[in-house]
């Protein structure tokens, strides 16, 4: 695992995001939907990458999002078999609300195709 790194928002933005995040994420349904959306973005990313590199799928070509409830710990586990974020993507997206990683990924692909 990579070493833990901490980043901080600029003060004005941090206060605004705290207000927005508290308003949105105290609603458990919205928070859960955002986590599932993130998993779907990871699946979309690997699906698009697999169009040019079928080896990226390995032995598991079925795209999955699993949601498990752990009664004893009273927790939900959301797991996908998509592509995660790079360190740079994490830095750009941590603390960002309602940003589609898939949308940015598709924009980057289109940009790269226009350069060729």
PDB file of N, CA and C in Angstrom:
ATOM      1  N   UNK A   1       0.830  -1.191   0.000  1.00  0.00           N
ATOM      2  CA  UNK A   1       0.000   0.000   0.000  1.00  0.00           C
ATOM      3  C   UNK A   1       0.866   1.243   0.000  1.00  0.00           C
ATOM      4  N   UNK A   2       0.359   2.269  -0.634  1.00  0.00           N
ATOM      5  CA  UNK A   2       1.085   3.533  -0.694  1.00  0.00           C
ATOM      6  C   UNK A   2       1.048   4.225   0.664  1.00  0.00           C
ATOM      7  N   UNK A   3       2.022   5.088   0.877  1.00  0.00           N
ATOM      8  CA  UNK A   3       2.086   5.846   2.122  1.00  0.00           C
ATOM      9  C   UNK A   3       0.915   6.822   2.197  1.00  0.00           C
ATOM     10  N   UNK A   4       0.344   6.988   3.369  1.00  0.00           N
ATOM     11  CA  UNK A   4      -0.787   7.887   3.576  1.00  0.00           C
ATOM     12  C   UNK A   4      -0.368   9.329   3.307  1.00  0.00           C
ATOM     13  N   UNK A   5      -1.189  10.026   2.538  1.00  0.00           N
ATOM     14  CA  UNK A   5      -0.942  11.428   2.233  1.00  0.00           C
ATOM     15  C   UNK A   5      -2.181  12.228   2.558  1.00  0.00           C
ATOM     16  N   UNK A   6      -2.002  13.438   3.056  1.00  0.00           N
ATOM     17  CA  UNK A   6      -3.124  14.287   3.434  1.00  0.00           C
ATOM     18  C   UNK A   6      -3.083  15.564   2.610  1.00  0.00           C
ATOM     19  N   UNK A   7      -4.245  15.975   2.108  1.00  0.00           N
ATOM     20  CA  UNK A   7      -4.380  17.203   1.332  1.00  0.00           C
ATOM     21  C   UNK A   7      -5.484  18.039   1.953  1.00  0.00           C
ATOM     22  N   UNK A   8      -5.381  19.327   1.827  1.00  0.00           N
ATOM     23  CA  UNK A   8      -6.374  20.205   2.422  1.00  0.00           C
ATOM     24  C   UNK A   8      -6.895  21.171   1.368  1.00  0.00           C
ATOM     25  N   UNK A   9      -8.199  21.435   1.420  1.00  0.00           N
ATOM     26  CA  UNK A   9      -8.813  22.408   0.536  1.00  0.00           C
ATOM     27  C   UNK A   9      -8.431  23.809   0.981  1.00  0.00           C
ATOM     28  N   UNK A  10      -8.543  24.754   0.036  1.00  0.00           N
ATOM     29  CA  UNK A  10      -8.416  26.151   0.429  1.00  0.00           C
ATOM     30  C   UNK A  10      -9.556  26.457   1.379  1.00  0.00           C
ATOM     31  N   UNK A  11      -9.344  27.340   2.331  1.00  0.00           N
ATOM     32  CA  UNK A  11     -10.286  27.563   3.418  1.00  0.00           C
ATOM     33  C   UNK A  11     -11.700  27.886   2.955  1.00  0.00           C
ATOM     34  N   UNK A  12     -11.852  28.818   2.012  1.00  0.00           N
ATOM     35  CA  UNK A  12     -13.201  29.190   1.593  1.00  0.00           C
ATOM     36  C   UNK A  12     -13.912  28.006   0.950  1.00  0.00           C
ATOM     37  N   UNK A  13     -13.206  27.302   0.108  1.00  0.00           N
ATOM     38  CA  UNK A  13     -13.793  26.149  -0.574  1.00  0.00           C
ATOM     39  C   UNK A  13     -14.065  25.039   0.428  1.00  0.00           C
ATOM     40  N   UNK A  14     -13.165  24.851   1.366  1.00  0.00           N
ATOM     41  CA  UNK A  14     -13.330  23.802   2.371  1.00  0.00           C
ATOM     42  C   UNK A  14     -14.615  24.020   3.169  1.00  0.00           C
ATOM     43  N   UNK A  15     -14.888  25.258   3.573  1.00  0.00           N
ATOM     44  CA  UNK A  15     -16.090  25.544   4.351  1.00  0.00           C
ATOM     45  C   UNK A  15     -17.344  25.280   3.519  1.00  0.00           C
ATOM     46  N   UNK A  16     -17.323  25.687   2.259  1.00  0.00           N
ATOM     47  CA  UNK A  16     -18.462  25.458   1.383  1.00  0.00           C
ATOM     48  C   UNK A  16     -18.689  23.967   1.160  1.00  0.00           C
ATOM     49  N   UNK A  17     -17.597  23.220   0.906  1.00  0.00           N
ATOM     50  CA  UNK A  17     -17.731  21.784   0.695  1.00  0.00           C
ATOM     51  C   UNK A  17     -18.194  21.065   1.954  1.00  0.00           C
ATOM     52  N   UNK A  18     -17.738  21.518   3.111  1.00  0.00           N
ATOM     53  CA  UNK A  18     -18.216  20.916   4.364  1.00  0.00           C
ATOM     54  C   UNK A  18     -19.720  21.073   4.494  1.00  0.00           C
ATOM     55  N   UNK A  19     -20.215  22.254   4.192  1.00  0.00           N
ATOM     56  CA  UNK A  19     -21.667  22.490   4.263  1.00  0.00           C
ATOM     57  C   UNK A  19     -22.407  21.595   3.277  1.00  0.00           C
ATOM     58  N   UNK A  20     -21.906  21.555   2.048  1.00  0.00           N
ATOM     59  CA  UNK A  20     -22.557  20.756   1.014  1.00  0.00           C
ATOM     60  C   UNK A  20     -22.485  19.269   1.340  1.00  0.00           C
ATOM     61  N   UNK A  21     -21.315  18.801   1.744  1.00  0.00           N
ATOM     62  CA  UNK A  21     -21.157  17.382   2.066  1.00  0.00           C
ATOM     63  C   UNK A  21     -22.046  16.977   3.231  1.00  0.00           C
ATOM     64  N   UNK A  22     -22.104  17.809   4.254  1.00  0.00           N
ATOM     65  CA  UNK A  22     -22.968  17.492   5.394  1.00  0.00           C
ATOM     66  C   UNK A  22     -24.429  17.464   4.988  1.00  0.00           C
ATOM     67  N   UNK A  23     -24.818  18.373   4.111  1.00  0.00           N
ATOM     68  CA  UNK A  23     -26.205  18.398   3.646  1.00  0.00           C
ATOM     69  C   UNK A  23     -26.529  17.158   2.822  1.00  0.00           C
ATOM     70  N   UNK A  24     -25.589  16.749   1.968  1.00  0.00           N
ATOM     71  CA  UNK A  24     -25.840  15.594   1.104  1.00  0.00           C
ATOM     72  C   UNK A  24     -25.614  14.271   1.817  1.00  0.00           C
ATOM     73  N   UNK A  25     -24.486  14.142   2.480  1.00  0.00           N
ATOM     74  CA  UNK A  25     -24.072  12.843   2.963  1.00  0.00           C
ATOM     75  C   UNK A  25     -24.636  12.463   4.316  1.00  0.00           C
ATOM     76  N   UNK A  26     -25.398  13.333   4.953  1.00  0.00           N
ATOM     77  CA  UNK A  26     -26.115  12.883   6.136  1.00  0.00           C
ATOM     78  C   UNK A  26     -27.335  12.090   5.704  1.00  0.00           C
ATOM     79  N   UNK A  27     -27.722  12.250   4.440  1.00  0.00           N
ATOM     80  CA  UNK A  27     -28.780  11.441   3.866  1.00  0.00           C
ATOM     81  C   UNK A  27     -28.129  10.149   3.362  1.00  0.00           C
ATOM     82  N   UNK A  28     -28.355   9.049   4.055  1.00  0.00           N
ATOM     83  CA  UNK A  28     -27.661   7.792   3.769  1.00  0.00           C
ATOM     84  C   UNK A  28     -27.926   7.276   2.362  1.00  0.00           C
ATOM     85  N   UNK A  29     -29.118   7.517   1.834  1.00  0.00           N
ATOM     86  CA  UNK A  29     -29.440   7.039   0.498  1.00  0.00           C
ATOM     87  C   UNK A  29     -28.586   7.745  -0.555  1.00  0.00           C
ATOM     88  N   UNK A  30     -28.377   9.042  -0.389  1.00  0.00           N
ATOM     89  CA  UNK A  30     -27.564   9.797  -1.338  1.00  0.00           C
ATOM     90  C   UNK A  30     -26.112   9.340  -1.246  1.00  0.00           C
ATOM     91  N   UNK A  31     -25.636   9.142  -0.041  1.00  0.00           N
ATOM     92  CA  UNK A  31     -24.259   8.685   0.156  1.00  0.00           C
ATOM     93  C   UNK A  31     -24.051   7.312  -0.485  1.00  0.00           C
ATOM     94  N   UNK A  32     -24.984   6.404  -0.272  1.00  0.00           N
ATOM     95  CA  UNK A  32     -24.893   5.062  -0.841  1.00  0.00           C
ATOM     96  C   UNK A  32     -24.935   5.132  -2.369  1.00  0.00           C
ATOM     97  N   UNK A  33     -25.808   5.959  -2.901  1.00  0.00           N
ATOM     98  CA  UNK A  33     -25.903   6.117  -4.357  1.00  0.00           C
ATOM     99  C   UNK A  33     -24.580   6.630  -4.929  1.00  0.00           C
ATOM    100  N   UNK A  34     -23.930   7.550  -4.234  1.00  0.00           N
ATOM    101  CA  UNK A  34     -22.641   8.091  -4.688  1.00  0.00           C
ATOM    102  C   UNK A  34     -21.571   7.000  -4.692  1.00  0.00           C
ATOM    103  N   UNK A  35     -21.552   6.143  -3.673  1.00  0.00           N
ATOM    104  CA  UNK A  35     -20.573   5.049  -3.634  1.00  0.00           C
ATOM    105  C   UNK A  35     -20.813   4.044  -4.762  1.00  0.00           C
ATOM    106  N   UNK A  36     -22.061   3.732  -5.037  1.00  0.00           N
ATOM    107  CA  UNK A  36     -22.380   2.803  -6.123  1.00  0.00           C
ATOM    108  C   UNK A  36     -22.038   3.443  -7.469  1.00  0.00           C
ATOM    109  N   UNK A  37     -22.274   4.734  -7.591  1.00  0.00           N
ATOM    110  CA  UNK A  37     -21.905   5.463  -8.808  1.00  0.00           C
ATOM    111  C   UNK A  37     -20.398   5.403  -9.035  1.00  0.00           C
ATOM    112  N   UNK A  38     -19.620   5.529  -7.974  1.00  0.00           N
ATOM    113  CA  UNK A  38     -18.164   5.420  -8.088  1.00  0.00           C
ATOM    114  C   UNK A  38     -17.765   4.030  -8.580  1.00  0.00           C
ATOM    115  N   UNK A  39     -18.430   2.996  -8.076  1.00  0.00           N
ATOM    116  CA  UNK A  39     -18.146   1.629  -8.518  1.00  0.00           C
ATOM    117  C   UNK A  39     -18.505   1.461  -9.993  1.00  0.00           C
ATOM    118  N   UNK A  40     -19.622   2.048 -10.406  1.00  0.00           N
ATOM    119  CA  UNK A  40     -20.031   1.981 -11.813  1.00  0.00           C
ATOM    120  C   UNK A  40     -19.015   2.703 -12.699  1.00  0.00           C
ATOM    121  N   UNK A  41     -18.478   3.822 -12.231  1.00  0.00           N
ATOM    122  CA  UNK A  41     -17.431   4.524 -12.986  1.00  0.00           C
ATOM    123  C   UNK A  41     -16.217   3.623 -13.179  1.00  0.00           C
ATOM    124  N   UNK A  42     -15.839   2.880 -12.133  1.00  0.00           N
ATOM    125  CA  UNK A  42     -14.687   1.971 -12.222  1.00  0.00           C
ATOM    126  C   UNK A  42     -14.945   0.861 -13.239  1.00  0.00           C
ATOM    127  N   UNK A  43     -16.177   0.384 -13.309  1.00  0.00           N
ATOM    128  CA  UNK A  43     -16.527  -0.653 -14.290  1.00  0.00           C
ATOM    129  C   UNK A  43     -16.521  -0.086 -15.708  1.00  0.00           C
ATOM    130  N   UNK A  44     -17.048   1.120 -15.874  1.00  0.00           N
ATOM    131  CA  UNK A  44     -17.028   1.746 -17.193  1.00  0.00           C
ATOM    132  C   UNK A  44     -15.600   1.954 -17.673  1.00  0.00           C
ATOM    133  N   UNK A  45     -14.737   2.341 -16.764  1.00  0.00           N
ATOM    134  CA  UNK A  45     -13.343   2.591 -17.122  1.00  0.00           C
ATOM    135  C   UNK A  45     -12.677   1.307 -17.615  1.00  0.00           C
ATOM    136  N   UNK A  46     -12.853   0.195 -16.904  1.00  0.00           N
ATOM    137  CA  UNK A  46     -12.227  -1.053 -17.345  1.00  0.00           C
ATOM    138  C   UNK A  46     -12.881  -1.576 -18.626  1.00  0.00           C
ATOM    139  N   UNK A  47     -14.164  -1.338 -18.779  1.00  0.00           N
ATOM    140  CA  UNK A  47     -14.852  -1.777 -20.002  1.00  0.00           C
ATOM    141  C   UNK A  47     -14.260  -1.068 -21.216  1.00  0.00           C
ATOM    142  N   UNK A  48     -14.070   0.241 -21.132  1.00  0.00           N
ATOM    143  CA  UNK A  48     -13.493   0.988 -22.246  1.00  0.00           C
ATOM    144  C   UNK A  48     -12.036   0.587 -22.489  1.00  0.00           C
ATOM    145  N   UNK A  49     -11.268   0.398 -21.423  1.00  0.00           N
ATOM    146  CA  UNK A  49      -9.876  -0.013 -21.584  1.00  0.00           C
ATOM    147  C   UNK A  49      -9.773  -1.397 -22.226  1.00  0.00           C
ATOM    148  N   UNK A  50     -10.735  -2.272 -21.918  1.00  0.00           N
ATOM    149  CA  UNK A  50     -10.699  -3.637 -22.442  1.00  0.00           C
ATOM    150  C   UNK A  50     -10.979  -3.686 -23.943  1.00  0.00           C
ATOM    151  N   UNK A  51     -11.525  -2.621 -24.505  1.00  0.00           N
ATOM    152  CA  UNK A  51     -11.775  -2.602 -25.941  1.00  0.00           C
ATOM    153  C   UNK A  51     -10.471  -2.636 -26.735  1.00  0.00           C
ATOM    154  N   UNK A  52      -9.414  -2.105 -26.176  1.00  0.00           N
ATOM    155  CA  UNK A  52      -8.120  -2.101 -26.851  1.00  0.00           C
ATOM    156  C   UNK A  52      -7.101  -3.026 -26.177  1.00  0.00           C
ATOM    157  N   UNK A  53      -7.421  -3.518 -24.983  1.00  0.00           N
ATOM    158  CA  UNK A  53      -6.506  -4.417 -24.261  1.00  0.00           C
ATOM    159  C   UNK A  53      -7.332  -5.459 -23.515  1.00  0.00           C
ATOM    160  N   UNK A  54      -7.654  -6.552 -24.194  1.00  0.00           N
ATOM    161  CA  UNK A  54      -8.510  -7.578 -23.577  1.00  0.00           C
ATOM    162  C   UNK A  54      -7.839  -8.265 -22.398  1.00  0.00           C
ATOM    163  N   UNK A  55      -6.511  -8.185 -22.306  1.00  0.00           N
ATOM    164  CA  UNK A  55      -5.782  -8.820 -21.201  1.00  0.00           C
ATOM    165  C   UNK A  55      -6.065  -8.137 -19.871  1.00  0.00           C
ATOM    166  N   UNK A  56      -6.517  -6.889 -19.928  1.00  0.00           N
ATOM    167  CA  UNK A  56      -6.769  -6.133 -18.686  1.00  0.00           C
ATOM    168  C   UNK A  56      -7.841  -6.801 -17.831  1.00  0.00           C
ATOM    169  N   UNK A  57      -8.728  -7.555 -18.465  1.00  0.00           N
ATOM    170  CA  UNK A  57      -9.814  -8.225 -17.724  1.00  0.00           C
ATOM    171  C   UNK A  57      -9.335  -9.470 -16.981  1.00  0.00           C
ATOM    172  N   UNK A  58      -8.198 -10.013 -17.386  1.00  0.00           N
ATOM    173  CA  UNK A  58      -7.715 -11.223 -16.734  1.00  0.00           C
ATOM    174  C   UNK A  58      -8.689 -12.366 -16.934  1.00  0.00           C
ATOM    175  N   UNK A  59      -8.887 -13.162 -15.892  1.00  0.00           N
ATOM    176  CA  UNK A  59      -9.786 -14.318 -15.968  1.00  0.00           C
ATOM    177  C   UNK A  59     -11.230 -13.954 -15.659  1.00  0.00           C
ATOM    178  N   UNK A  60     -11.487 -12.718 -15.281  1.00  0.00           N
ATOM    179  CA  UNK A  60     -12.823 -12.317 -14.834  1.00  0.00           C
ATOM    180  C   UNK A  60     -13.389 -11.244 -15.764  1.00  0.00           C
ATOM    181  N   UNK A  61     -14.085 -11.674 -16.815  1.00  0.00           N
ATOM    182  CA  UNK A  61     -14.612 -10.736 -17.812  1.00  0.00           C
ATOM    183  C   UNK A  61     -16.019 -10.249 -17.476  1.00  0.00           C
ATOM    184  N   UNK A  62     -16.565 -10.664 -16.355  1.00  0.00           N
ATOM    185  CA  UNK A  62     -17.907 -10.227 -15.956  1.00  0.00           C
ATOM    186  C   UNK A  62     -17.782  -9.021 -15.018  1.00  0.00           C
ATOM    187  N   UNK A  63     -18.380  -7.907 -15.406  1.00  0.00           N
ATOM    188  CA  UNK A  63     -18.324  -6.694 -14.590  1.00  0.00           C
ATOM    189  C   UNK A  63     -19.295  -6.825 -13.423  1.00  0.00           C
ATOM    190  N   UNK A  64     -18.800  -6.529 -12.209  1.00  0.00           N
ATOM    191  CA  UNK A  64     -19.621  -6.769 -11.018  1.00  0.00           C
ATOM    192  C   UNK A  64     -19.498  -5.635 -10.009  1.00  0.00           C
ATOM    193  N   UNK A  65     -20.614  -5.373  -9.359  1.00  0.00           N
ATOM    194  CA  UNK A  65     -20.630  -4.557  -8.145  1.00  0.00           C
ATOM    195  C   UNK A  65     -21.298  -5.431  -7.087  1.00  0.00           C
ATOM    196  N   UNK A  66     -20.585  -5.666  -5.995  1.00  0.00           N
ATOM    197  CA  UNK A  66     -21.141  -6.479  -4.907  1.00  0.00           C
ATOM    198  C   UNK A  66     -21.402  -5.578  -3.703  1.00  0.00           C
ATOM    199  N   UNK A  67     -22.557  -5.761  -3.098  1.00  0.00           N
ATOM    200  CA  UNK A  67     -22.886  -5.026  -1.878  1.00  0.00           C
ATOM    201  C   UNK A  67     -23.176  -6.065  -0.807  1.00  0.00           C
ATOM    202  N   UNK A  68     -22.399  -5.994   0.268  1.00  0.00           N
ATOM    203  CA  UNK A  68     -22.574  -6.949   1.367  1.00  0.00           C
ATOM    204  C   UNK A  68     -22.869  -6.186   2.657  1.00  0.00           C
ATOM    205  N   UNK A  69     -23.761  -6.753   3.434  1.00  0.00           N
ATOM    206  CA  UNK A  69     -24.071  -6.189   4.741  1.00  0.00           C
ATOM    207  C   UNK A  69     -23.434  -7.082   5.792  1.00  0.00           C
ATOM    208  N   UNK A  70     -22.663  -6.463   6.680  1.00  0.00           N
ATOM    209  CA  UNK A  70     -22.032  -7.185   7.783  1.00  0.00           C
ATOM    210  C   UNK A  70     -22.808  -6.826   9.053  1.00  0.00           C
ATOM    211  N   UNK A  71     -23.674  -7.739   9.432  1.00  0.00           N
ATOM    212  CA  UNK A  71     -24.591  -7.465  10.540  1.00  0.00           C
ATOM    213  C   UNK A  71     -23.858  -7.188  11.847  1.00  0.00           C
ATOM    214  N   UNK A  72     -22.854  -7.995  12.157  1.00  0.00           N
ATOM    215  CA  UNK A  72     -22.146  -7.842  13.423  1.00  0.00           C
ATOM    216  C   UNK A  72     -21.500  -6.456  13.538  1.00  0.00           C
ATOM    217  N   UNK A  73     -20.849  -6.017  12.446  1.00  0.00           N
ATOM    218  CA  UNK A  73     -20.172  -4.715  12.464  1.00  0.00           C
ATOM    219  C   UNK A  73     -21.104  -3.561  12.092  1.00  0.00           C
ATOM    220  N   UNK A  74     -22.301  -3.918  11.596  1.00  0.00           N
ATOM    221  CA  UNK A  74     -23.274  -2.928  11.117  1.00  0.00           C
ATOM    222  C   UNK A  74     -22.646  -2.028  10.048  1.00  0.00           C
ATOM    223  N   UNK A  75     -22.035  -2.702   9.057  1.00  0.00           N
ATOM    224  CA  UNK A  75     -21.404  -1.980   7.958  1.00  0.00           C
ATOM    225  C   UNK A  75     -21.845  -2.556   6.617  1.00  0.00           C
ATOM    226  N   UNK A  76     -21.721  -1.739   5.583  1.00  0.00           N
ATOM    227  CA  UNK A  76     -21.920  -2.179   4.211  1.00  0.00           C
ATOM    228  C   UNK A  76     -20.560  -2.220   3.540  1.00  0.00           C
ATOM    229  N   UNK A  77     -20.376  -3.215   2.700  1.00  0.00           N
ATOM    230  CA  UNK A  77     -19.161  -3.318   1.900  1.00  0.00           C
ATOM    231  C   UNK A  77     -19.569  -3.233   0.442  1.00  0.00           C
ATOM    232  N   UNK A  78     -18.983  -2.305  -0.278  1.00  0.00           N
ATOM    233  CA  UNK A  78     -19.261  -2.150  -1.705  1.00  0.00           C
ATOM    234  C   UNK A  78     -17.967  -2.457  -2.431  1.00  0.00           C
ATOM    235  N   UNK A  79     -18.032  -3.452  -3.312  1.00  0.00           N
ATOM    236  CA  UNK A  79     -16.837  -3.925  -4.009  1.00  0.00           C
ATOM    237  C   UNK A  79     -17.136  -4.010  -5.499  1.00  0.00           C
ATOM    238  N   UNK A  80     -16.172  -3.596  -6.313  1.00  0.00           N
ATOM    239  CA  UNK A  80     -16.316  -3.744  -7.764  1.00  0.00           C
ATOM    240  C   UNK A  80     -15.032  -4.355  -8.308  1.00  0.00           C
ATOM    241  N   UNK A  81     -15.085  -4.822  -9.539  1.00  0.00           N
ATOM    242  CA  UNK A  81     -13.881  -5.363 -10.174  1.00  0.00           C
ATOM    243  C   UNK A  81     -13.449  -4.474 -11.340  1.00  0.00           C
ATOM    244  N   UNK A  82     -13.670  -3.199 -11.174  1.00  0.00           N
ATOM    245  CA  UNK A  82     -13.257  -2.227 -12.179  1.00  0.00           C
ATOM    246  C   UNK A  82     -11.856  -1.729 -11.929  1.00  0.00           C
ATOM    247  N   UNK A  83     -11.528  -0.625 -12.604  1.00  0.00           N
ATOM    248  CA  UNK A  83     -10.211  -0.017 -12.481  1.00  0.00           C
ATOM    249  C   UNK A  83     -10.291   1.117 -11.478  1.00  0.00           C
ATOM    250  N   UNK A  84      -9.394   1.098 -10.509  1.00  0.00           N
ATOM    251  CA  UNK A  84      -9.354   2.151  -9.503  1.00  0.00           C
ATOM    252  C   UNK A  84      -8.671   3.403 -10.031  1.00  0.00           C
ATOM    253  N   UNK A  85      -8.486   4.361  -9.152  1.00  0.00           N
ATOM    254  CA  UNK A  85      -7.876   5.621  -9.528  1.00  0.00           C
ATOM    255  C   UNK A  85      -6.377   5.596  -9.263  1.00  0.00           C
ATOM    256  N   UNK A  86      -5.662   6.317 -10.102  1.00  0.00           N
ATOM    257  CA  UNK A  86      -4.232   6.503  -9.877  1.00  0.00           C
ATOM    258  C   UNK A  86      -4.047   7.504  -8.738  1.00  0.00           C
ATOM    259  N   UNK A  87      -2.813   7.664  -8.276  1.00  0.00           N
ATOM    260  CA  UNK A  87      -2.552   8.633  -7.209  1.00  0.00           C
ATOM    261  C   UNK A  87      -2.948  10.037  -7.664  1.00  0.00           C
ATOM    262  N   UNK A  88      -2.642  10.369  -8.922  1.00  0.00           N
ATOM    263  CA  UNK A  88      -2.989  11.692  -9.449  1.00  0.00           C
ATOM    264  C   UNK A  88      -4.505  11.883  -9.465  1.00  0.00           C
ATOM    265  N   UNK A  89      -5.246  10.855  -9.913  1.00  0.00           N
ATOM    266  CA  UNK A  89      -6.705  10.942  -9.952  1.00  0.00           C
ATOM    267  C   UNK A  89      -7.275  11.089  -8.544  1.00  0.00           C
ATOM    268  N   UNK A  90      -6.697  10.381  -7.575  1.00  0.00           N
ATOM    269  CA  UNK A  90      -7.149  10.519  -6.190  1.00  0.00           C
ATOM    270  C   UNK A  90      -6.974  11.948  -5.711  1.00  0.00           C
ATOM    271  N   UNK A  91      -5.807  12.543  -5.999  1.00  0.00           N
ATOM    272  CA  UNK A  91      -5.546  13.915  -5.579  1.00  0.00           C
ATOM    273  C   UNK A  91      -6.542  14.883  -6.211  1.00  0.00           C
ATOM    274  N   UNK A  92      -6.908  14.630  -7.469  1.00  0.00           N
ATOM    275  CA  UNK A  92      -7.832  15.520  -8.171  1.00  0.00           C
ATOM    276  C   UNK A  92      -9.278  15.336  -7.716  1.00  0.00           C
ATOM    277  N   UNK A  93      -9.620  14.145  -7.241  1.00  0.00           N
ATOM    278  CA  UNK A  93     -11.028  13.833  -6.983  1.00  0.00           C
ATOM    279  C   UNK A  93     -11.421  13.708  -5.522  1.00  0.00           C
ATOM    280  N   UNK A  94     -10.468  13.531  -4.611  1.00  0.00           N
ATOM    281  CA  UNK A  94     -10.816  13.400  -3.197  1.00  0.00           C
ATOM    282  C   UNK A  94     -11.540  14.664  -2.754  1.00  0.00           C
ATOM    283  N   UNK A  95     -12.678  14.486  -2.140  1.00  0.00           N
ATOM    284  CA  UNK A  95     -13.452  15.628  -1.664  1.00  0.00           C
ATOM    285  C   UNK A  95     -14.302  16.276  -2.737  1.00  0.00           C
ATOM    286  N   UNK A  96     -14.304  15.711  -3.954  1.00  0.00           N
ATOM    287  CA  UNK A  96     -15.120  16.263  -5.033  1.00  0.00           C
ATOM    288  C   UNK A  96     -16.462  15.558  -5.023  1.00  0.00           C
ATOM    289  N   UNK A  97     -17.511  16.319  -5.043  1.00  0.00           N
ATOM    290  CA  UNK A  97     -18.854  15.771  -4.954  1.00  0.00           C
ATOM    291  C   UNK A  97     -19.468  15.703  -6.342  1.00  0.00           C
ATOM    292  N   UNK A  98     -20.081  14.567  -6.661  1.00  0.00           N
ATOM    293  CA  UNK A  98     -20.856  14.375  -7.884  1.00  0.00           C
ATOM    294  C   UNK A  98     -20.036  14.611  -9.150  1.00  0.00           C
ATOM    295  N   UNK A  99     -18.794  14.209  -9.152  1.00  0.00           N
ATOM    296  CA  UNK A  99     -17.966  14.314 -10.355  1.00  0.00           C
ATOM    297  C   UNK A  99     -17.864  12.931 -10.958  1.00  0.00           C
ATOM    298  N   UNK A 100     -18.171  12.834 -12.242  1.00  0.00           N
ATOM    299  CA  UNK A 100     -18.120  11.543 -12.902  1.00  0.00           C
ATOM    300  C   UNK A 100     -16.729  11.262 -13.438  1.00  0.00           C
ATOM    301  N   UNK A 101     -16.087  10.265 -12.879  1.00  0.00           N
ATOM    302  CA  UNK A 101     -14.792   9.842 -13.387  1.00  0.00           C
ATOM    303  C   UNK A 101     -14.903   9.298 -14.793  1.00  0.00           C
ATOM    304  N   UNK A 102     -16.016   8.655 -15.101  1.00  0.00           N
ATOM    305  CA  UNK A 102     -16.213   8.116 -16.439  1.00  0.00           C
ATOM    306  C   UNK A 102     -16.279   9.238 -17.462  1.00  0.00           C
ATOM    307  N   UNK A 103     -16.982  10.303 -17.138  1.00  0.00           N
ATOM    308  CA  UNK A 103     -17.098  11.434 -18.058  1.00  0.00           C
ATOM    309  C   UNK A 103     -15.720  12.003 -18.370  1.00  0.00           C
ATOM    310  N   UNK A 104     -14.899  12.201 -17.360  1.00  0.00           N
ATOM    311  CA  UNK A 104     -13.544  12.717 -17.569  1.00  0.00           C
ATOM    312  C   UNK A 104     -12.706  11.730 -18.355  1.00  0.00           C
ATOM    313  N   UNK A 105     -12.836  10.446 -18.075  1.00  0.00           N
ATOM    314  CA  UNK A 105     -12.100   9.403 -18.779  1.00  0.00           C
ATOM    315  C   UNK A 105     -12.449   9.430 -20.262  1.00  0.00           C
ATOM    316  N   UNK A 106     -13.741   9.546 -20.589  1.00  0.00           N
ATOM    317  CA  UNK A 106     -14.176   9.592 -21.983  1.00  0.00           C
ATOM    318  C   UNK A 106     -13.671  10.856 -22.676  1.00  0.00           C
ATOM    319  N   UNK A 107     -13.662  11.978 -21.975  1.00  0.00           N
ATOM    320  CA  UNK A 107     -13.117  13.214 -22.548  1.00  0.00           C
ATOM    321  C   UNK A 107     -11.646  13.046 -22.879  1.00  0.00           C
ATOM    322  N   UNK A 108     -10.890  12.380 -21.992  1.00  0.00           N
ATOM    323  CA  UNK A 108      -9.470  12.149 -22.221  1.00  0.00           C
ATOM    324  C   UNK A 108      -9.241  11.251 -23.427  1.00  0.00           C
ATOM    325  N   UNK A 109     -10.062  10.204 -23.573  1.00  0.00           N
ATOM    326  CA  UNK A 109      -9.937   9.304 -24.731  1.00  0.00           C
ATOM    327  C   UNK A 109     -10.193  10.078 -26.013  1.00  0.00           C
ATOM    328  N   UNK A 110     -11.246  10.875 -26.027  1.00  0.00           N
ATOM    329  CA  UNK A 110     -11.594  11.658 -27.216  1.00  0.00           C
ATOM    330  C   UNK A 110     -10.467  12.636 -27.555  1.00  0.00           C
ATOM    331  N   UNK A 111      -9.903  13.265 -26.539  1.00  0.00           N
ATOM    332  CA  UNK A 111      -8.796  14.198 -26.719  1.00  0.00           C
ATOM    333  C   UNK A 111      -7.594  13.466 -27.325  1.00  0.00           C
ATOM    334  N   UNK A 112      -7.271  12.278 -26.795  1.00  0.00           N
ATOM    335  CA  UNK A 112      -6.142  11.495 -27.305  1.00  0.00           C
ATOM    336  C   UNK A 112      -6.368  11.071 -28.754  1.00  0.00           C
ATOM    337  N   UNK A 113      -7.606  10.714 -29.090  1.00  0.00           N
ATOM    338  CA  UNK A 113      -7.907  10.303 -30.464  1.00  0.00           C
ATOM    339  C   UNK A 113      -7.765  11.477 -31.430  1.00  0.00           C
ATOM    340  N   UNK A 114      -8.108  12.667 -30.982  1.00  0.00           N
ATOM    341  CA  UNK A 114      -7.984  13.849 -31.837  1.00  0.00           C
ATOM    342  C   UNK A 114      -6.528  14.226 -32.072  1.00  0.00           C
ATOM    343  N   UNK A 115      -5.632  13.830 -31.165  1.00  0.00           N
ATOM    344  CA  UNK A 115      -4.209  14.147 -31.294  1.00  0.00           C
ATOM    345  C   UNK A 115      -3.520  13.215 -32.277  1.00  0.00           C
ATOM    346  N   UNK A 116      -4.085  12.048 -32.501  1.00  0.00           N
ATOM    347  CA  UNK A 116      -3.431  11.040 -33.372  1.00  0.00           C
ATOM    348  C   UNK A 116      -3.606  11.369 -34.831  1.00  0.00           C
TER     349      UNK A 116
END
